[in-house]
Amino acid sequence: MSQTTVESHYTRGDLESALFQALEAAGLDPAHLHPDDLAPVDEFHIRGAEATREMIHLAGFSAEDHVLDVGSGIGGPSRQLARQCGCRVTGLDLTSEYCALARTLAERVGLAKRVEYRQGDAQAMPFEDNAFDGVWTQHMSMNVADKDSLYGEIRRVLRPGGRLAMYEIVAGRGGTVHFPVPWARSPEISHLTTAENLEVDLRARGLEVRYWNDATSPAAAFFSAMLDRVRENGPPPLGLHILLGPDMREMAANMLRNLEEDRIRVVQVVMEG
């Protein structure tokens, strides 16, 4: 399955205008934004901004570091990294529309000098060897079939002694995933590895575990609470349905079912090498 097909899953075509309309509906001024205003939509991963804050603490990046965010989406985590650590961040994403909106939002919240965004393929990154002090990923590897290329590129661009922080969805032992889910509406662009294989493959590239945690239980609680809120109040003006469309509620229900049935798991990982 081509990367063009993956990009088409995420491309909306009118994302900027849809987001700005949703911001206005939520009582916010798109011309005068604080980064926290965007958290309901730009923290595009399980447990949102809370999970990003946890990973920032675990990763321990400093103000002197240059960090690569692989699969940066519309830029929420990269902007949080820049704010909280004071570091410089480069975001890489396959989806052109996401990169364009990420640049606009960085300007709107006053972080354009600390973050930048490049469109590109994580299996062939447009960066020199040893270019980054840290590499960061949140829920991006599920769309990458060629894990060898992905892990090899991460290792190539990470300087010796650098740190890799990952917050990823992996395969459980419960069987086939129920679709649609946020990263795929069908199996063709879904490529999960197990936690065990992830660790083996990263260790094989000279990376050593500094932290490894199964975060599946809080992930299930997150989707359970999300579905309860939607049942009681309907979808909020500002939410992930803006990125993913009207089937976001079905995706969330499937995520909860997949987590409860051990079809998927969630891991927090920090490695160094």
C-alpha atoms as a PDB file:
ATOM      1  CA  MET A   1       0.000   0.000   0.000  1.00  0.00           C
ATOM      2  CA  SER A   2       1.507   3.319  -1.085  1.00  0.00           C
ATOM      3  CA  GLN A   3       2.274   6.243   1.175  1.00  0.00           C
ATOM      4  CA  THR A   4      -0.106   8.245  -1.044  1.00  0.00           C
ATOM      5  CA  THR A   5      -2.929   6.073   0.296  1.00  0.00           C
ATOM      6  CA  VAL A   6      -1.824   6.753   3.867  1.00  0.00           C
ATOM      7  CA  GLU A   7      -1.734  10.501   3.199  1.00  0.00           C
ATOM      8  CA  SER A   8      -5.207  10.402   1.680  1.00  0.00           C
ATOM      9  CA  HIS A   9      -6.574   8.848   4.898  1.00  0.00           C
ATOM     10  CA  TYR A  10      -5.540  11.974   6.823  1.00  0.00           C
ATOM     11  CA  THR A  11      -6.131  14.655   4.180  1.00  0.00           C
ATOM     12  CA  ARG A  12      -9.378  16.580   4.485  1.00  0.00           C
ATOM     13  CA  GLY A  13      -8.839  19.393   1.990  1.00  0.00           C
ATOM     14  CA  ASP A  14     -10.502  22.127   4.029  1.00  0.00           C
ATOM     15  CA  LEU A  15      -8.891  21.453   7.398  1.00  0.00           C
ATOM     16  CA  GLU A  16      -7.735  24.996   8.165  1.00  0.00           C
ATOM     17  CA  SER A  17     -11.125  26.574   7.532  1.00  0.00           C
ATOM     18  CA  ALA A  18     -12.910  23.763   9.430  1.00  0.00           C
ATOM     19  CA  LEU A  19     -10.614  24.195  12.423  1.00  0.00           C
ATOM     20  CA  PHE A  20     -10.954  27.973  12.512  1.00  0.00           C
ATOM     21  CA  GLN A  21     -14.750  27.686  12.322  1.00  0.00           C
ATOM     22  CA  ALA A  22     -14.675  25.213  15.213  1.00  0.00           C
ATOM     23  CA  LEU A  23     -12.474  27.538  17.251  1.00  0.00           C
ATOM     24  CA  GLU A  24     -14.956  30.358  16.734  1.00  0.00           C
ATOM     25  CA  ALA A  25     -17.829  28.042  17.693  1.00  0.00           C
ATOM     26  CA  ALA A  26     -15.932  27.259  20.909  1.00  0.00           C
ATOM     27  CA  GLY A  27     -15.703  30.984  21.673  1.00  0.00           C
ATOM     28  CA  LEU A  28     -12.043  31.406  20.646  1.00  0.00           C
ATOM     29  CA  ASP A  29     -10.450  33.914  18.289  1.00  0.00           C
ATOM     30  CA  PRO A  30      -8.337  32.098  15.645  1.00  0.00           C
ATOM     31  CA  ALA A  31      -6.174  35.209  15.273  1.00  0.00           C
ATOM     32  CA  HIS A  32      -5.251  35.278  18.971  1.00  0.00           C
ATOM     33  CA  LEU A  33      -4.576  31.781  20.263  1.00  0.00           C
ATOM     34  CA  HIS A  34      -2.778  30.250  23.217  1.00  0.00           C
ATOM     35  CA  PRO A  35      -1.274  26.775  22.627  1.00  0.00           C
ATOM     36  CA  ASP A  36      -3.583  25.260  25.249  1.00  0.00           C
ATOM     37  CA  ASP A  37      -6.613  26.438  23.229  1.00  0.00           C
ATOM     38  CA  LEU A  38      -5.719  23.884  20.572  1.00  0.00           C
ATOM     39  CA  ALA A  39      -5.215  20.865  22.831  1.00  0.00           C
ATOM     40  CA  PRO A  40      -8.619  19.229  22.135  1.00  0.00           C
ATOM     41  CA  VAL A  41      -7.698  18.859  18.465  1.00  0.00           C
ATOM     42  CA  ASP A  42      -3.932  19.153  17.964  1.00  0.00           C
ATOM     43  CA  GLU A  43      -2.938  16.523  20.555  1.00  0.00           C
ATOM     44  CA  PHE A  44      -3.907  13.753  18.152  1.00  0.00           C
ATOM     45  CA  HIS A  45      -3.182  10.658  20.272  1.00  0.00           C
ATOM     46  CA  ILE A  46      -4.613   8.720  23.201  1.00  0.00           C
ATOM     47  CA  ARG A  47      -5.012  10.838  26.373  1.00  0.00           C
ATOM     48  CA  GLY A  48      -4.077  13.988  24.464  1.00  0.00           C
ATOM     49  CA  ALA A  49      -2.068  16.707  26.174  1.00  0.00           C
ATOM     50  CA  GLU A  50      -1.814  14.737  29.425  1.00  0.00           C
ATOM     51  CA  ALA A  51       0.092  11.976  27.639  1.00  0.00           C
ATOM     52  CA  THR A  52       2.363  14.525  25.975  1.00  0.00           C
ATOM     53  CA  ARG A  53       3.217  16.089  29.326  1.00  0.00           C
ATOM     54  CA  GLU A  54       4.069  12.675  30.733  1.00  0.00           C
ATOM     55  CA  MET A  55       6.320  11.851  27.792  1.00  0.00           C
ATOM     56  CA  ILE A  56       8.077  15.225  28.012  1.00  0.00           C
ATOM     57  CA  HIS A  57       8.887  14.504  31.662  1.00  0.00           C
ATOM     58  CA  LEU A  58      10.122  10.998  30.832  1.00  0.00           C
ATOM     59  CA  ALA A  59      12.198  12.073  27.833  1.00  0.00           C
ATOM     60  CA  GLY A  60      14.115  14.736  29.743  1.00  0.00           C
ATOM     61  CA  PHE A  61      15.025  16.888  26.746  1.00  0.00           C
ATOM     62  CA  SER A  62      16.806  20.163  27.512  1.00  0.00           C
ATOM     63  CA  ALA A  63      16.769  23.668  26.052  1.00  0.00           C
ATOM     64  CA  GLU A  64      19.974  22.910  24.139  1.00  0.00           C
ATOM     65  CA  ASP A  65      18.453  19.961  22.285  1.00  0.00           C
ATOM     66  CA  HIS A  66      17.164  19.816  18.719  1.00  0.00           C
ATOM     67  CA  VAL A  67      14.341  17.260  18.650  1.00  0.00           C
ATOM     68  CA  LEU A  68      12.724  15.599  15.631  1.00  0.00           C
ATOM     69  CA  ASP A  69       8.988  14.867  15.949  1.00  0.00           C
ATOM     70  CA  VAL A  70       8.276  12.047  13.489  1.00  0.00           C
ATOM     71  CA  GLY A  71       4.625  12.056  12.464  1.00  0.00           C
ATOM     72  CA  SER A  72       4.070  15.541  13.843  1.00  0.00           C
ATOM     73  CA  GLY A  73       0.468  15.952  12.648  1.00  0.00           C
ATOM     74  CA  ILE A  74      -0.765  19.530  13.030  1.00  0.00           C
ATOM     75  CA  GLY A  75       1.955  20.212  15.553  1.00  0.00           C
ATOM     76  CA  GLY A  76       0.494  20.002  19.057  1.00  0.00           C
ATOM     77  CA  PRO A  77       3.224  17.892  20.707  1.00  0.00           C
ATOM     78  CA  SER A  78       6.058  19.746  18.956  1.00  0.00           C
ATOM     79  CA  ARG A  79       4.730  23.050  20.258  1.00  0.00           C
ATOM     80  CA  GLN A  80       4.411  21.611  23.767  1.00  0.00           C
ATOM     81  CA  LEU A  81       7.997  20.334  23.574  1.00  0.00           C
ATOM     82  CA  ALA A  82       9.224  23.776  22.538  1.00  0.00           C
ATOM     83  CA  ARG A  83       7.244  25.509  25.300  1.00  0.00           C
ATOM     84  CA  GLN A  84       8.028  23.159  28.151  1.00  0.00           C
ATOM     85  CA  CYS A  85      11.634  22.190  27.358  1.00  0.00           C
ATOM     86  CA  GLY A  86      12.752  25.327  25.538  1.00  0.00           C
ATOM     87  CA  CYS A  87      14.203  23.107  22.836  1.00  0.00           C
ATOM     88  CA  ARG A  88      14.116  23.528  19.078  1.00  0.00           C
ATOM     89  CA  VAL A  89      11.786  21.091  17.298  1.00  0.00           C
ATOM     90  CA  THR A  90      11.499  19.966  13.691  1.00  0.00           C
ATOM     91  CA  GLY A  91       8.298  18.168  12.762  1.00  0.00           C
ATOM     92  CA  LEU A  92       8.138  15.643   9.931  1.00  0.00           C
ATOM     93  CA  ASP A  93       4.807  14.451   8.555  1.00  0.00           C
ATOM     94  CA  LEU A  94       3.663  12.654   5.428  1.00  0.00           C
ATOM     95  CA  THR A  95       0.483  14.733   5.082  1.00  0.00           C
ATOM     96  CA  SER A  96       1.046  18.060   3.326  1.00  0.00           C
ATOM     97  CA  GLU A  97      -2.158  19.572   4.692  1.00  0.00           C
ATOM     98  CA  TYR A  98      -1.060  18.821   8.259  1.00  0.00           C
ATOM     99  CA  CYS A  99       2.338  20.457   7.710  1.00  0.00           C
ATOM    100  CA  ALA A 100       0.782  23.607   6.249  1.00  0.00           C
ATOM    101  CA  LEU A 101      -1.675  23.958   9.142  1.00  0.00           C
ATOM    102  CA  ALA A 102       1.068  23.224  11.699  1.00  0.00           C
ATOM    103  CA  ARG A 103       3.091  26.171  10.333  1.00  0.00           C
ATOM    104  CA  THR A 104       0.065  28.472  10.513  1.00  0.00           C
ATOM    105  CA  LEU A 105      -0.725  27.452  14.087  1.00  0.00           C
ATOM    106  CA  ALA A 106       2.901  27.876  15.193  1.00  0.00           C
ATOM    107  CA  GLU A 107       2.739  31.453  13.920  1.00  0.00           C
ATOM    108  CA  ARG A 108      -0.619  32.101  15.601  1.00  0.00           C
ATOM    109  CA  VAL A 109       0.680  30.992  19.030  1.00  0.00           C
ATOM    110  CA  GLY A 110       4.055  32.733  18.724  1.00  0.00           C
ATOM    111  CA  LEU A 111       6.279  29.657  18.386  1.00  0.00           C
ATOM    112  CA  ALA A 112       7.340  29.904  14.736  1.00  0.00           C
ATOM    113  CA  LYS A 113      10.950  30.637  15.722  1.00  0.00           C
ATOM    114  CA  ARG A 114      11.246  27.430  17.752  1.00  0.00           C
ATOM    115  CA  VAL A 115       9.387  24.930  15.592  1.00  0.00           C
ATOM    116  CA  GLU A 116       9.452  24.109  11.895  1.00  0.00           C
ATOM    117  CA  TYR A 117       7.702  21.506   9.776  1.00  0.00           C
ATOM    118  CA  ARG A 118       8.780  19.392   6.802  1.00  0.00           C
ATOM    119  CA  GLN A 119       6.668  17.187   4.596  1.00  0.00           C
ATOM    120  CA  GLY A 120       8.328  13.825   4.060  1.00  0.00           C
ATOM    121  CA  ASP A 121       8.411  10.058   4.466  1.00  0.00           C
ATOM    122  CA  ALA A 122       9.658   8.643   7.793  1.00  0.00           C
ATOM    123  CA  GLN A 123      11.108   5.699   5.851  1.00  0.00           C
ATOM    124  CA  ALA A 124      13.443   8.070   3.944  1.00  0.00           C
ATOM    125  CA  MET A 125      13.894  11.159   6.101  1.00  0.00           C
ATOM    126  CA  PRO A 126      15.196  14.342   4.433  1.00  0.00           C
ATOM    127  CA  PHE A 127      17.866  14.944   7.103  1.00  0.00           C
ATOM    128  CA  GLU A 128      21.588  14.366   7.504  1.00  0.00           C
ATOM    129  CA  ASP A 129      23.074  11.663   9.702  1.00  0.00           C
ATOM    130  CA  ASN A 130      23.260  12.476  13.443  1.00  0.00           C
ATOM    131  CA  ALA A 131      21.163  15.607  12.907  1.00  0.00           C
ATOM    132  CA  PHE A 132      19.110  15.459  16.121  1.00  0.00           C
ATOM    133  CA  ASP A 133      19.692  15.206  19.862  1.00  0.00           C
ATOM    134  CA  GLY A 134      16.328  13.559  20.311  1.00  0.00           C
ATOM    135  CA  VAL A 135      13.638  11.790  18.294  1.00  0.00           C
ATOM    136  CA  TRP A 136       9.982  11.775  19.381  1.00  0.00           C
ATOM    137  CA  THR A 137       7.058   9.716  18.049  1.00  0.00           C
ATOM    138  CA  GLN A 138       3.453   9.516  19.160  1.00  0.00           C
ATOM    139  CA  HIS A 139       1.076   7.108  17.439  1.00  0.00           C
ATOM    140  CA  MET A 140       2.692   7.168  13.988  1.00  0.00           C
ATOM    141  CA  SER A 141       4.301   3.765  13.423  1.00  0.00           C
ATOM    142  CA  MET A 142       0.944   2.005  12.880  1.00  0.00           C
ATOM    143  CA  ASN A 143       0.867   3.279   9.274  1.00  0.00           C
ATOM    144  CA  VAL A 144       4.426   2.178   8.433  1.00  0.00           C
ATOM    145  CA  ALA A 145       4.722  -1.256   6.855  1.00  0.00           C
ATOM    146  CA  ASP A 146       8.518  -1.231   6.531  1.00  0.00           C
ATOM    147  CA  LYS A 147       9.529  -1.094  10.172  1.00  0.00           C
ATOM    148  CA  ASP A 148      13.178  -1.813   9.317  1.00  0.00           C
ATOM    149  CA  SER A 149      13.365   1.376   7.277  1.00  0.00           C
ATOM    150  CA  LEU A 150      11.591   3.410   9.970  1.00  0.00           C
ATOM    151  CA  TYR A 151      13.811   2.237  12.819  1.00  0.00           C
ATOM    152  CA  GLY A 152      16.895   2.497  10.649  1.00  0.00           C
ATOM    153  CA  GLU A 153      16.094   6.104   9.770  1.00  0.00           C
ATOM    154  CA  ILE A 154      15.442   6.983  13.411  1.00  0.00           C
ATOM    155  CA  ARG A 155      18.812   5.546  14.370  1.00  0.00           C
ATOM    156  CA  ARG A 156      20.548   7.280  11.431  1.00  0.00           C
ATOM    157  CA  VAL A 157      19.338  10.799  12.274  1.00  0.00           C
ATOM    158  CA  LEU A 158      19.776  10.405  16.055  1.00  0.00           C
ATOM    159  CA  ARG A 159      23.216  11.453  17.235  1.00  0.00           C
ATOM    160  CA  PRO A 160      25.292   9.038  19.343  1.00  0.00           C
ATOM    161  CA  GLY A 161      24.093   9.331  22.929  1.00  0.00           C
ATOM    162  CA  GLY A 162      20.783  10.823  21.800  1.00  0.00           C
ATOM    163  CA  ARG A 163      17.415   9.861  23.189  1.00  0.00           C
ATOM    164  CA  LEU A 164      14.337   8.333  21.554  1.00  0.00           C
ATOM    165  CA  ALA A 165      10.913   8.890  23.143  1.00  0.00           C
ATOM    166  CA  MET A 166       7.986   6.856  21.805  1.00  0.00           C
ATOM    167  CA  TYR A 167       4.316   6.681  22.768  1.00  0.00           C
ATOM    168  CA  GLU A 168       2.966   4.036  20.433  1.00  0.00           C
ATOM    169  CA  ILE A 169       0.098   1.655  19.744  1.00  0.00           C
ATOM    170  CA  VAL A 170       1.243  -1.944  19.346  1.00  0.00           C
ATOM    171  CA  ALA A 171      -0.423  -5.263  18.631  1.00  0.00           C
ATOM    172  CA  GLY A 172      -1.986  -7.213  21.480  1.00  0.00           C
ATOM    173  CA  ARG A 173      -2.724 -10.917  21.603  1.00  0.00           C
ATOM    174  CA  GLY A 174      -6.480 -10.721  21.033  1.00  0.00           C
ATOM    175  CA  GLY A 175      -6.520 -11.033  17.255  1.00  0.00           C
ATOM    176  CA  THR A 176      -7.537  -8.793  14.374  1.00  0.00           C
ATOM    177  CA  VAL A 177      -8.225  -5.120  15.015  1.00  0.00           C
ATOM    178  CA  HIS A 178     -11.793  -3.841  14.691  1.00  0.00           C
ATOM    179  CA  PHE A 179     -11.949  -1.077  12.051  1.00  0.00           C
ATOM    180  CA  PRO A 180     -12.309   1.845  11.550  1.00  0.00           C
ATOM    181  CA  VAL A 181      -9.741   3.255  13.969  1.00  0.00           C
ATOM    182  CA  PRO A 182      -8.111   6.699  13.884  1.00  0.00           C
ATOM    183  CA  TRP A 183      -5.096   5.556  11.851  1.00  0.00           C
ATOM    184  CA  ALA A 184      -6.989   3.382   9.353  1.00  0.00           C
ATOM    185  CA  ARG A 185     -10.482   2.738   8.113  1.00  0.00           C
ATOM    186  CA  SER A 186      -9.448  -0.693   6.790  1.00  0.00           C
ATOM    187  CA  PRO A 187      -6.542  -3.120   7.331  1.00  0.00           C
ATOM    188  CA  GLU A 188      -4.635  -2.060   4.195  1.00  0.00           C
ATOM    189  CA  ILE A 189      -2.814   0.827   5.891  1.00  0.00           C
ATOM    190  CA  SER A 190      -2.624  -0.660   9.396  1.00  0.00           C
ATOM    191  CA  HIS A 191       0.729  -2.222  10.306  1.00  0.00           C
ATOM    192  CA  LEU A 192       1.106  -3.028  13.996  1.00  0.00           C
ATOM    193  CA  THR A 193       4.104  -4.667  15.596  1.00  0.00           C
ATOM    194  CA  THR A 194       4.182  -6.188  19.073  1.00  0.00           C
ATOM    195  CA  ALA A 195       5.845  -4.534  22.048  1.00  0.00           C
ATOM    196  CA  GLU A 196       8.286  -7.421  22.167  1.00  0.00           C
ATOM    197  CA  ASN A 197       9.319  -6.994  18.544  1.00  0.00           C
ATOM    198  CA  LEU A 198       9.574  -3.231  18.977  1.00  0.00           C
ATOM    199  CA  GLU A 199      12.061  -3.649  21.807  1.00  0.00           C
ATOM    200  CA  VAL A 200      14.087  -6.295  19.948  1.00  0.00           C
ATOM    201  CA  ASP A 201      14.267  -4.191  16.788  1.00  0.00           C
ATOM    202  CA  LEU A 202      15.332  -1.021  18.597  1.00  0.00           C
ATOM    203  CA  ARG A 203      17.921  -2.838  20.697  1.00  0.00           C
ATOM    204  CA  ALA A 204      19.322  -4.325  17.497  1.00  0.00           C
ATOM    205  CA  ARG A 205      20.141  -0.776  16.408  1.00  0.00           C
ATOM    206  CA  GLY A 206      22.190  -0.057  19.510  1.00  0.00           C
ATOM    207  CA  LEU A 207      19.481   1.621  21.598  1.00  0.00           C
ATOM    208  CA  GLU A 208      19.119   0.740  25.284  1.00  0.00           C
ATOM    209  CA  VAL A 209      15.933   0.946  27.321  1.00  0.00           C
ATOM    210  CA  ARG A 210      15.788   3.769  29.869  1.00  0.00           C
ATOM    211  CA  TYR A 211      12.037   3.489  30.489  1.00  0.00           C
ATOM    212  CA  TRP A 212       9.343   1.064  29.316  1.00  0.00           C
ATOM    213  CA  ASN A 213       5.734   1.131  30.498  1.00  0.00           C
ATOM    214  CA  ASP A 214       2.489  -0.486  29.379  1.00  0.00           C
ATOM    215  CA  ALA A 215      -0.057   2.338  29.325  1.00  0.00           C
ATOM    216  CA  THR A 216      -3.041   0.321  28.095  1.00  0.00           C
ATOM    217  CA  SER A 217      -5.302   0.719  31.147  1.00  0.00           C
ATOM    218  CA  PRO A 218      -5.351   4.538  31.168  1.00  0.00           C
ATOM    219  CA  ALA A 219      -5.844   4.446  27.386  1.00  0.00           C
ATOM    220  CA  ALA A 220      -9.034   2.395  27.791  1.00  0.00           C
ATOM    221  CA  ALA A 221     -10.263   4.722  30.536  1.00  0.00           C
ATOM    222  CA  PHE A 222      -9.671   7.687  28.215  1.00  0.00           C
ATOM    223  CA  PHE A 223     -11.900   6.293  25.462  1.00  0.00           C
ATOM    224  CA  SER A 224     -14.555   5.172  27.937  1.00  0.00           C
ATOM    225  CA  ALA A 225     -14.774   8.708  29.332  1.00  0.00           C
ATOM    226  CA  MET A 226     -14.780  10.220  25.828  1.00  0.00           C
ATOM    227  CA  LEU A 227     -17.710   8.052  24.741  1.00  0.00           C
ATOM    228  CA  ASP A 228     -19.635   8.848  27.935  1.00  0.00           C
ATOM    229  CA  ARG A 229     -19.242  12.593  27.294  1.00  0.00           C
ATOM    230  CA  VAL A 230     -20.386  12.270  23.681  1.00  0.00           C
ATOM    231  CA  ARG A 231     -23.439  10.200  24.705  1.00  0.00           C
ATOM    232  CA  GLU A 232     -24.410  12.813  27.277  1.00  0.00           C
ATOM    233  CA  ASN A 233     -23.564  16.018  25.424  1.00  0.00           C
ATOM    234  CA  GLY A 234     -22.919  15.179  21.768  1.00  0.00           C
ATOM    235  CA  PRO A 235     -19.613  15.979  20.061  1.00  0.00           C
ATOM    236  CA  PRO A 236     -17.872  19.139  21.305  1.00  0.00           C
ATOM    237  CA  PRO A 237     -17.316  22.068  18.923  1.00  0.00           C
ATOM    238  CA  LEU A 238     -13.570  21.425  19.088  1.00  0.00           C
ATOM    239  CA  GLY A 239     -12.498  17.785  18.895  1.00  0.00           C
ATOM    240  CA  LEU A 240     -10.787  15.083  16.881  1.00  0.00           C
ATOM    241  CA  HIS A 241     -13.820  14.714  14.607  1.00  0.00           C
ATOM    242  CA  ILE A 242     -12.539  17.868  12.884  1.00  0.00           C
ATOM    243  CA  LEU A 243      -9.469  15.940  11.758  1.00  0.00           C
ATOM    244  CA  LEU A 244     -11.016  12.528  11.182  1.00  0.00           C
ATOM    245  CA  GLY A 245     -14.591  13.218  10.158  1.00  0.00           C
ATOM    246  CA  PRO A 246     -18.038  12.070  11.298  1.00  0.00           C
ATOM    247  CA  ASP A 247     -16.965   8.465  11.999  1.00  0.00           C
ATOM    248  CA  MET A 248     -14.732   9.561  14.902  1.00  0.00           C
ATOM    249  CA  ARG A 249     -17.341   8.261  17.382  1.00  0.00           C
ATOM    250  CA  GLU A 250     -17.243   4.812  15.739  1.00  0.00           C
ATOM    251  CA  MET A 251     -13.441   4.945  15.769  1.00  0.00           C
ATOM    252  CA  ALA A 252     -13.439   5.747  19.489  1.00  0.00           C
ATOM    253  CA  ALA A 253     -15.835   2.869  20.217  1.00  0.00           C
ATOM    254  CA  ASN A 254     -13.607   0.496  18.262  1.00  0.00           C
ATOM    255  CA  MET A 255     -10.522   1.766  20.085  1.00  0.00           C
ATOM    256  CA  LEU A 256     -12.140   0.982  23.435  1.00  0.00           C
ATOM    257  CA  ARG A 257     -13.197  -2.468  22.241  1.00  0.00           C
ATOM    258  CA  ASN A 258      -9.736  -3.186  20.794  1.00  0.00           C
ATOM    259  CA  LEU A 259      -8.065  -2.162  24.060  1.00  0.00           C
ATOM    260  CA  GLU A 260     -10.477  -4.149  26.233  1.00  0.00           C
ATOM    261  CA  GLU A 261     -10.089  -7.259  24.057  1.00  0.00           C
ATOM    262  CA  ASP A 262      -6.279  -6.966  23.986  1.00  0.00           C
ATOM    263  CA  ARG A 263      -6.241  -6.477  20.222  1.00  0.00           C
ATOM    264  CA  ILE A 264      -4.074  -3.401  20.724  1.00  0.00           C
ATOM    265  CA  ARG A 265      -1.870  -2.150  23.543  1.00  0.00           C
ATOM    266  CA  VAL A 266      -0.163   1.167  24.290  1.00  0.00           C
ATOM    267  CA  VAL A 267       3.448   1.613  25.392  1.00  0.00           C
ATOM    268  CA  GLN A 268       5.587   4.498  26.652  1.00  0.00           C
ATOM    269  CA  VAL A 269       9.244   4.060  25.739  1.00  0.00           C
ATOM    270  CA  VAL A 270      12.439   6.025  26.281  1.00  0.00           C
ATOM    271  CA  MET A 271      15.639   4.643  24.762  1.00  0.00           C
ATOM    272  CA  GLU A 272      19.172   5.947  24.453  1.00  0.00           C
ATOM    273  CA  GLY A 273      22.096   5.086  22.241  1.00  0.00           C
END
